[in-house]
């Protein structure tokens, strides 16, 4: 007898918070967002950081922080030199 298929993954983004920044695991790839480059995360609450939405498989949005980042920015930050302060 075959077992039933596992349910759908409800959390496609894994977030680890460190003293230096955030690690995001998305689609089997890891990205580091330092507080130096992304200072808005340093002062954010844990709930606000974990309140993340994934749109169109490549657009990350933190509604409480009003922060938008694309996978392109995470993969190639040197192509996007403007950093908000």
PDB file of N, CA and C in Angstrom:
ATOM      1  N   UNK A   1       0.841  -1.179   0.000  1.00  0.00           N
ATOM      2  CA  UNK A   1       0.000   0.000   0.000  1.00  0.00           C
ATOM      3  C   UNK A   1       0.888   1.244   0.000  1.00  0.00           C
ATOM      4  N   UNK A   2       0.608   2.151  -0.891  1.00  0.00           N
ATOM      5  CA  UNK A   2       1.368   3.392  -0.984  1.00  0.00           C
ATOM      6  C   UNK A   2       0.849   4.403   0.018  1.00  0.00           C
ATOM      7  N   UNK A   3       1.770   5.165   0.578  1.00  0.00           N
ATOM      8  CA  UNK A   3       1.330   6.216   1.495  1.00  0.00           C
ATOM      9  C   UNK A   3       0.887   7.432   0.701  1.00  0.00           C
ATOM     10  N   UNK A   4       0.066   8.245   1.313  1.00  0.00           N
ATOM     11  CA  UNK A   4      -0.431   9.448   0.661  1.00  0.00           C
ATOM     12  C   UNK A   4       0.721  10.427   0.425  1.00  0.00           C
ATOM     13  N   UNK A   5       0.593  11.216  -0.615  1.00  0.00           N
ATOM     14  CA  UNK A   5       1.614  12.223  -0.935  1.00  0.00           C
ATOM     15  C   UNK A   5       1.703  13.253   0.183  1.00  0.00           C
ATOM     16  N   UNK A   6       2.897  13.753   0.379  1.00  0.00           N
ATOM     17  CA  UNK A   6       3.089  14.791   1.387  1.00  0.00           C
ATOM     18  C   UNK A   6       2.392  16.070   0.958  1.00  0.00           C
ATOM     19  N   UNK A   7       2.040  16.875   1.940  1.00  0.00           N
ATOM     20  CA  UNK A   7       1.387  18.150   1.657  1.00  0.00           C
ATOM     21  C   UNK A   7       2.324  19.133   0.994  1.00  0.00           C
ATOM     22  N   UNK A   8       1.754  20.211   0.540  1.00  0.00           N
ATOM     23  CA  UNK A   8       2.501  21.269  -0.112  1.00  0.00           C
ATOM     24  C   UNK A   8       3.368  22.012   0.894  1.00  0.00           C
ATOM     25  N   UNK A   9       4.549  22.446   0.472  1.00  0.00           N
ATOM     26  CA  UNK A   9       5.431  23.230   1.329  1.00  0.00           C
ATOM     27  C   UNK A   9       4.810  24.606   1.517  1.00  0.00           C
ATOM     28  N   UNK A  10       4.514  24.967   2.752  1.00  0.00           N
ATOM     29  CA  UNK A  10       3.850  26.241   3.008  1.00  0.00           C
ATOM     30  C   UNK A  10       4.829  27.364   3.280  1.00  0.00           C
ATOM     31  N   UNK A  11       6.113  27.055   3.398  1.00  0.00           N
ATOM     32  CA  UNK A  11       7.103  28.076   3.681  1.00  0.00           C
ATOM     33  C   UNK A  11       8.288  27.931   2.726  1.00  0.00           C
ATOM     34  N   UNK A  12       8.170  28.497   1.521  1.00  0.00           N
ATOM     35  CA  UNK A  12       9.252  28.323   0.549  1.00  0.00           C
ATOM     36  C   UNK A  12      10.495  29.133   0.879  1.00  0.00           C
ATOM     37  N   UNK A  13      10.413  30.024   1.865  1.00  0.00           N
ATOM     38  CA  UNK A  13      11.545  30.855   2.246  1.00  0.00           C
ATOM     39  C   UNK A  13      11.923  30.546   3.681  1.00  0.00           C
ATOM     40  N   UNK A  14      13.179  30.199   3.877  1.00  0.00           N
ATOM     41  CA  UNK A  14      13.680  29.978   5.232  1.00  0.00           C
ATOM     42  C   UNK A  14      14.551  31.176   5.603  1.00  0.00           C
ATOM     43  N   UNK A  15      14.330  31.727   6.786  1.00  0.00           N
ATOM     44  CA  UNK A  15      15.066  32.907   7.234  1.00  0.00           C
ATOM     45  C   UNK A  15      15.802  32.573   8.527  1.00  0.00           C
ATOM     46  N   UNK A  16      17.083  32.926   8.568  1.00  0.00           N
ATOM     47  CA  UNK A  16      17.882  32.808   9.778  1.00  0.00           C
ATOM     48  C   UNK A  16      18.416  34.194  10.109  1.00  0.00           C
ATOM     49  N   UNK A  17      18.163  34.638  11.329  1.00  0.00           N
ATOM     50  CA  UNK A  17      18.593  35.960  11.770  1.00  0.00           C
ATOM     51  C   UNK A  17      19.875  35.811  12.589  1.00  0.00           C
ATOM     52  N   UNK A  18      20.913  36.578  12.220  1.00  0.00           N
ATOM     53  CA  UNK A  18      22.174  36.559  12.953  1.00  0.00           C
ATOM     54  C   UNK A  18      22.492  37.970  13.435  1.00  0.00           C
ATOM     55  N   UNK A  19      23.572  38.114  14.160  1.00  0.00           N
ATOM     56  CA  UNK A  19      23.972  39.442  14.637  1.00  0.00           C
ATOM     57  C   UNK A  19      24.503  40.320  13.505  1.00  0.00           C
ATOM     58  N   UNK A  20      24.817  39.726  12.350  1.00  0.00           N
ATOM     59  CA  UNK A  20      25.388  40.463  11.220  1.00  0.00           C
ATOM     60  C   UNK A  20      24.410  40.698  10.080  1.00  0.00           C
ATOM     61  N   UNK A  21      23.300  39.960  10.067  1.00  0.00           N
ATOM     62  CA  UNK A  21      22.335  40.099   8.984  1.00  0.00           C
ATOM     63  C   UNK A  21      21.411  38.903   8.910  1.00  0.00           C
ATOM     64  N   UNK A  22      20.783  38.750   7.764  1.00  0.00           N
ATOM     65  CA  UNK A  22      19.827  37.670   7.534  1.00  0.00           C
ATOM     66  C   UNK A  22      20.350  36.711   6.490  1.00  0.00           C
ATOM     67  N   UNK A  23      20.103  35.435   6.707  1.00  0.00           N
ATOM     68  CA  UNK A  23      20.314  34.418   5.682  1.00  0.00           C
ATOM     69  C   UNK A  23      18.949  34.033   5.159  1.00  0.00           C
ATOM     70  N   UNK A  24      18.783  34.054   3.846  1.00  0.00           N
ATOM     71  CA  UNK A  24      17.550  33.602   3.212  1.00  0.00           C
ATOM     72  C   UNK A  24      17.856  32.360   2.394  1.00  0.00           C
ATOM     73  N   UNK A  25      17.057  31.340   2.556  1.00  0.00           N
ATOM     74  CA  UNK A  25      17.155  30.149   1.729  1.00  0.00           C
ATOM     75  C   UNK A  25      15.888  30.109   0.881  1.00  0.00           C
ATOM     76  N   UNK A  26      16.087  30.204  -0.425  1.00  0.00           N
ATOM     77  CA  UNK A  26      14.970  30.269  -1.363  1.00  0.00           C
ATOM     78  C   UNK A  26      15.320  29.431  -2.588  1.00  0.00           C
ATOM     79  N   UNK A  27      14.470  28.499  -2.935  1.00  0.00           N
ATOM     80  CA  UNK A  27      14.691  27.638  -4.103  1.00  0.00           C
ATOM     81  C   UNK A  27      16.067  26.964  -4.062  1.00  0.00           C
ATOM     82  N   UNK A  28      16.420  26.430  -2.913  1.00  0.00           N
ATOM     83  CA  UNK A  28      17.681  25.704  -2.714  1.00  0.00           C
ATOM     84  C   UNK A  28      18.921  26.569  -2.901  1.00  0.00           C
ATOM     85  N   UNK A  29      18.774  27.886  -2.805  1.00  0.00           N
ATOM     86  CA  UNK A  29      19.914  28.795  -2.850  1.00  0.00           C
ATOM     87  C   UNK A  29      19.893  29.650  -1.593  1.00  0.00           C
ATOM     88  N   UNK A  30      21.084  30.007  -1.108  1.00  0.00           N
ATOM     89  CA  UNK A  30      21.187  30.835   0.088  1.00  0.00           C
ATOM     90  C   UNK A  30      21.724  32.214  -0.261  1.00  0.00           C
ATOM     91  N   UNK A  31      21.172  33.222   0.416  1.00  0.00           N
ATOM     92  CA  UNK A  31      21.569  34.615   0.203  1.00  0.00           C
ATOM     93  C   UNK A  31      21.781  35.257   1.565  1.00  0.00           C
ATOM     94  N   UNK A  32      22.827  36.070   1.670  1.00  0.00           N
ATOM     95  CA  UNK A  32      23.096  36.791   2.909  1.00  0.00           C
ATOM     96  C   UNK A  32      22.796  38.264   2.698  1.00  0.00           C
ATOM     97  N   UNK A  33      21.980  38.838   3.580  1.00  0.00           N
ATOM     98  CA  UNK A  33      21.640  40.256   3.550  1.00  0.00           C
ATOM     99  C   UNK A  33      22.227  40.878   4.803  1.00  0.00           C
ATOM    100  N   UNK A  34      23.355  41.548   4.641  1.00  0.00           N
ATOM    101  CA  UNK A  34      24.018  42.146   5.804  1.00  0.00           C
ATOM    102  C   UNK A  34      23.250  43.373   6.272  1.00  0.00           C
ATOM    103  N   UNK A  35      23.371  43.655   7.559  1.00  0.00           N
ATOM    104  CA  UNK A  35      22.743  44.865   8.095  1.00  0.00           C
ATOM    105  C   UNK A  35      23.424  46.118   7.554  1.00  0.00           C
ATOM    106  N   UNK A  36      24.680  45.999   7.164  1.00  0.00           N
ATOM    107  CA  UNK A  36      25.388  47.140   6.574  1.00  0.00           C
ATOM    108  C   UNK A  36      24.726  47.547   5.261  1.00  0.00           C
ATOM    109  N   UNK A  37      24.389  46.572   4.430  1.00  0.00           N
ATOM    110  CA  UNK A  37      23.756  46.854   3.141  1.00  0.00           C
ATOM    111  C   UNK A  37      22.240  46.983   3.225  1.00  0.00           C
ATOM    112  N   UNK A  38      21.653  46.431   4.264  1.00  0.00           N
ATOM    113  CA  UNK A  38      20.192  46.430   4.423  1.00  0.00           C
ATOM    114  C   UNK A  38      19.842  46.836   5.859  1.00  0.00           C
ATOM    115  N   UNK A  39      20.103  48.094   6.225  1.00  0.00           N
ATOM    116  CA  UNK A  39      19.966  48.527   7.625  1.00  0.00           C
ATOM    117  C   UNK A  39      18.542  48.461   8.170  1.00  0.00           C
ATOM    118  N   UNK A  40      17.552  48.476   7.296  1.00  0.00           N
ATOM    119  CA  UNK A  40      16.157  48.423   7.753  1.00  0.00           C
ATOM    120  C   UNK A  40      15.843  47.114   8.472  1.00  0.00           C
ATOM    121  N   UNK A  41      16.575  46.035   8.189  1.00  0.00           N
ATOM    122  CA  UNK A  41      16.338  44.764   8.880  1.00  0.00           C
ATOM    123  C   UNK A  41      16.898  44.767  10.299  1.00  0.00           C
ATOM    124  N   UNK A  42      17.936  45.565  10.551  1.00  0.00           N
ATOM    125  CA  UNK A  42      18.565  45.579  11.873  1.00  0.00           C
ATOM    126  C   UNK A  42      17.615  46.114  12.937  1.00  0.00           C
ATOM    127  N   UNK A  43      16.767  47.055  12.579  1.00  0.00           N
ATOM    128  CA  UNK A  43      15.858  47.659  13.547  1.00  0.00           C
ATOM    129  C   UNK A  43      14.444  47.061  13.477  1.00  0.00           C
ATOM    130  N   UNK A  44      14.248  46.107  12.586  1.00  0.00           N
ATOM    131  CA  UNK A  44      12.928  45.491  12.420  1.00  0.00           C
ATOM    132  C   UNK A  44      12.673  44.460  13.521  1.00  0.00           C
ATOM    133  N   UNK A  45      11.403  44.217  13.798  1.00  0.00           N
ATOM    134  CA  UNK A  45      11.056  43.162  14.744  1.00  0.00           C
ATOM    135  C   UNK A  45      11.180  41.802  14.057  1.00  0.00           C
ATOM    136  N   UNK A  46      11.306  40.771  14.857  1.00  0.00           N
ATOM    137  CA  UNK A  46      11.371  39.416  14.314  1.00  0.00           C
ATOM    138  C   UNK A  46      10.102  39.106  13.532  1.00  0.00           C
ATOM    139  N   UNK A  47       8.962  39.493  14.065  1.00  0.00           N
ATOM    140  CA  UNK A  47       7.697  39.247  13.362  1.00  0.00           C
ATOM    141  C   UNK A  47       7.659  39.940  12.012  1.00  0.00           C
ATOM    142  N   UNK A  48       8.192  41.164  11.938  1.00  0.00           N
ATOM    143  CA  UNK A  48       8.201  41.887  10.663  1.00  0.00           C
ATOM    144  C   UNK A  48       9.138  41.225   9.655  1.00  0.00           C
ATOM    145  N   UNK A  49      10.245  40.686  10.121  1.00  0.00           N
ATOM    146  CA  UNK A  49      11.190  40.008   9.224  1.00  0.00           C
ATOM    147  C   UNK A  49      10.591  38.708   8.696  1.00  0.00           C
ATOM    148  N   UNK A  50       9.918  37.968   9.567  1.00  0.00           N
ATOM    149  CA  UNK A  50       9.319  36.703   9.142  1.00  0.00           C
ATOM    150  C   UNK A  50       8.022  36.895   8.361  1.00  0.00           C
ATOM    151  N   UNK A  51       7.488  38.088   8.353  1.00  0.00           N
ATOM    152  CA  UNK A  51       6.289  38.385   7.565  1.00  0.00           C
ATOM    153  C   UNK A  51       6.739  38.751   6.149  1.00  0.00           C
ATOM    154  N   UNK A  52       7.044  37.733   5.370  1.00  0.00           N
ATOM    155  CA  UNK A  52       7.587  37.910   4.023  1.00  0.00           C
ATOM    156  C   UNK A  52       6.666  37.241   3.015  1.00  0.00           C
ATOM    157  N   UNK A  53       6.534  37.863   1.861  1.00  0.00           N
ATOM    158  CA  UNK A  53       5.702  37.324   0.785  1.00  0.00           C
ATOM    159  C   UNK A  53       6.580  37.084  -0.435  1.00  0.00           C
ATOM    160  N   UNK A  54       6.328  35.991  -1.136  1.00  0.00           N
ATOM    161  CA  UNK A  54       7.026  35.683  -2.372  1.00  0.00           C
ATOM    162  C   UNK A  54       6.039  35.813  -3.514  1.00  0.00           C
ATOM    163  N   UNK A  55       6.346  36.715  -4.432  1.00  0.00           N
ATOM    164  CA  UNK A  55       5.482  36.952  -5.590  1.00  0.00           C
ATOM    165  C   UNK A  55       6.215  36.530  -6.861  1.00  0.00           C
ATOM    166  N   UNK A  56       5.533  35.789  -7.700  1.00  0.00           N
ATOM    167  CA  UNK A  56       6.058  35.393  -9.014  1.00  0.00           C
ATOM    168  C   UNK A  56       7.401  34.661  -8.923  1.00  0.00           C
ATOM    169  N   UNK A  57       7.643  33.964  -7.831  1.00  0.00           N
ATOM    170  CA  UNK A  57       8.831  33.133  -7.605  1.00  0.00           C
ATOM    171  C   UNK A  57      10.147  33.906  -7.592  1.00  0.00           C
ATOM    172  N   UNK A  58      10.107  35.236  -7.697  1.00  0.00           N
ATOM    173  CA  UNK A  58      11.374  35.967  -7.710  1.00  0.00           C
ATOM    174  C   UNK A  58      11.304  37.341  -7.051  1.00  0.00           C
ATOM    175  N   UNK A  59      10.189  37.671  -6.482  1.00  0.00           N
ATOM    176  CA  UNK A  59      10.032  38.986  -5.866  1.00  0.00           C
ATOM    177  C   UNK A  59       9.676  38.809  -4.389  1.00  0.00           C
ATOM    178  N   UNK A  60      10.551  39.309  -3.510  1.00  0.00           N
ATOM    179  CA  UNK A  60      10.329  39.215  -2.067  1.00  0.00           C
ATOM    180  C   UNK A  60       9.792  40.543  -1.555  1.00  0.00           C
ATOM    181  N   UNK A  61       8.778  40.462  -0.711  1.00  0.00           N
ATOM    182  CA  UNK A  61       8.170  41.677  -0.184  1.00  0.00           C
ATOM    183  C   UNK A  61       7.892  41.514   1.302  1.00  0.00           C
ATOM    184  N   UNK A  62       8.356  42.491   2.084  1.00  0.00           N
ATOM    185  CA  UNK A  62       8.085  42.568   3.515  1.00  0.00           C
ATOM    186  C   UNK A  62       7.081  43.697   3.717  1.00  0.00           C
ATOM    187  N   UNK A  63       5.779  43.377   3.848  1.00  0.00           N
ATOM    188  CA  UNK A  63       4.744  44.419   3.903  1.00  0.00           C
ATOM    189  C   UNK A  63       4.877  45.387   5.074  1.00  0.00           C
ATOM    190  N   UNK A  64       5.209  44.914   6.244  1.00  0.00           N
ATOM    191  CA  UNK A  64       5.314  45.800   7.408  1.00  0.00           C
ATOM    192  C   UNK A  64       6.507  46.745   7.300  1.00  0.00           C
ATOM    193  N   UNK A  65       7.538  46.325   6.556  1.00  0.00           N
ATOM    194  CA  UNK A  65       8.742  47.137   6.396  1.00  0.00           C
ATOM    195  C   UNK A  65       8.722  47.931   5.091  1.00  0.00           C
ATOM    196  N   UNK A  66       7.779  47.624   4.208  1.00  0.00           N
ATOM    197  CA  UNK A  66       7.683  48.213   2.875  1.00  0.00           C
ATOM    198  C   UNK A  66       9.005  48.055   2.125  1.00  0.00           C
ATOM    199  N   UNK A  67       9.545  46.818   2.148  1.00  0.00           N
ATOM    200  CA  UNK A  67      10.811  46.493   1.489  1.00  0.00           C
ATOM    201  C   UNK A  67      10.528  45.495   0.373  1.00  0.00           C
ATOM    202  N   UNK A  68      11.047  45.800  -0.807  1.00  0.00           N
ATOM    203  CA  UNK A  68      10.953  44.932  -1.976  1.00  0.00           C
ATOM    204  C   UNK A  68      12.354  44.553  -2.417  1.00  0.00           C
ATOM    205  N   UNK A  69      12.600  43.269  -2.634  1.00  0.00           N
ATOM    206  CA  UNK A  69      13.870  42.804  -3.191  1.00  0.00           C
ATOM    207  C   UNK A  69      13.566  41.700  -4.199  1.00  0.00           C
ATOM    208  N   UNK A  70      14.300  41.697  -5.278  1.00  0.00           N
ATOM    209  CA  UNK A  70      14.138  40.632  -6.262  1.00  0.00           C
ATOM    210  C   UNK A  70      15.283  39.638  -6.124  1.00  0.00           C
ATOM    211  N   UNK A  71      15.088  38.456  -6.652  1.00  0.00           N
ATOM    212  CA  UNK A  71      16.143  37.448  -6.639  1.00  0.00           C
ATOM    213  C   UNK A  71      17.342  37.964  -7.442  1.00  0.00           C
ATOM    214  N   UNK A  72      17.101  38.751  -8.480  1.00  0.00           N
ATOM    215  CA  UNK A  72      18.203  39.339  -9.256  1.00  0.00           C
ATOM    216  C   UNK A  72      19.094  40.216  -8.388  1.00  0.00           C
ATOM    217  N   UNK A  73      18.499  40.982  -7.504  1.00  0.00           N
ATOM    218  CA  UNK A  73      19.270  41.838  -6.589  1.00  0.00           C
ATOM    219  C   UNK A  73      20.081  40.968  -5.635  1.00  0.00           C
ATOM    220  N   UNK A  74      19.488  39.889  -5.147  1.00  0.00           N
ATOM    221  CA  UNK A  74      20.201  39.009  -4.216  1.00  0.00           C
ATOM    222  C   UNK A  74      21.359  38.284  -4.904  1.00  0.00           C
ATOM    223  N   UNK A  75      21.161  37.877  -6.154  1.00  0.00           N
ATOM    224  CA  UNK A  75      22.204  37.156  -6.878  1.00  0.00           C
ATOM    225  C   UNK A  75      23.323  38.073  -7.360  1.00  0.00           C
ATOM    226  N   UNK A  76      22.977  39.296  -7.742  1.00  0.00           N
ATOM    227  CA  UNK A  76      23.942  40.225  -8.338  1.00  0.00           C
ATOM    228  C   UNK A  76      23.856  41.600  -7.699  1.00  0.00           C
ATOM    229  N   UNK A  77      24.172  41.729  -6.415  1.00  0.00           N
ATOM    230  CA  UNK A  77      24.013  43.031  -5.755  1.00  0.00           C
ATOM    231  C   UNK A  77      24.882  44.125  -6.359  1.00  0.00           C
ATOM    232  N   UNK A  78      26.003  43.753  -6.984  1.00  0.00           N
ATOM    233  CA  UNK A  78      26.882  44.758  -7.593  1.00  0.00           C
ATOM    234  C   UNK A  78      26.234  45.426  -8.810  1.00  0.00           C
ATOM    235  N   UNK A  79      25.199  44.822  -9.376  1.00  0.00           N
ATOM    236  CA  UNK A  79      24.462  45.439 -10.490  1.00  0.00           C
ATOM    237  C   UNK A  79      23.459  46.480 -10.009  1.00  0.00           C
ATOM    238  N   UNK A  80      23.238  46.527  -8.699  1.00  0.00           N
ATOM    239  CA  UNK A  80      22.249  47.421  -8.114  1.00  0.00           C
ATOM    240  C   UNK A  80      22.917  48.209  -6.985  1.00  0.00           C
ATOM    241  N   UNK A  81      23.749  49.196  -7.298  1.00  0.00           N
ATOM    242  CA  UNK A  81      24.557  49.866  -6.282  1.00  0.00           C
ATOM    243  C   UNK A  81      23.804  50.800  -5.344  1.00  0.00           C
ATOM    244  N   UNK A  82      22.588  51.211  -5.690  1.00  0.00           N
ATOM    245  CA  UNK A  82      21.840  52.147  -4.843  1.00  0.00           C
ATOM    246  C   UNK A  82      21.297  51.403  -3.624  1.00  0.00           C
ATOM    247  N   UNK A  83      21.672  51.878  -2.452  1.00  0.00           N
ATOM    248  CA  UNK A  83      21.216  51.279  -1.201  1.00  0.00           C
ATOM    249  C   UNK A  83      20.483  52.345  -0.402  1.00  0.00           C
ATOM    250  N   UNK A  84      19.288  52.035   0.049  1.00  0.00           N
ATOM    251  CA  UNK A  84      18.499  52.982   0.836  1.00  0.00           C
ATOM    252  C   UNK A  84      19.069  53.093   2.247  1.00  0.00           C
ATOM    253  N   UNK A  85      18.997  54.287   2.829  1.00  0.00           N
ATOM    254  CA  UNK A  85      19.466  54.499   4.198  1.00  0.00           C
ATOM    255  C   UNK A  85      18.372  55.121   5.030  1.00  0.00           C
TER     256      UNK A  85
END
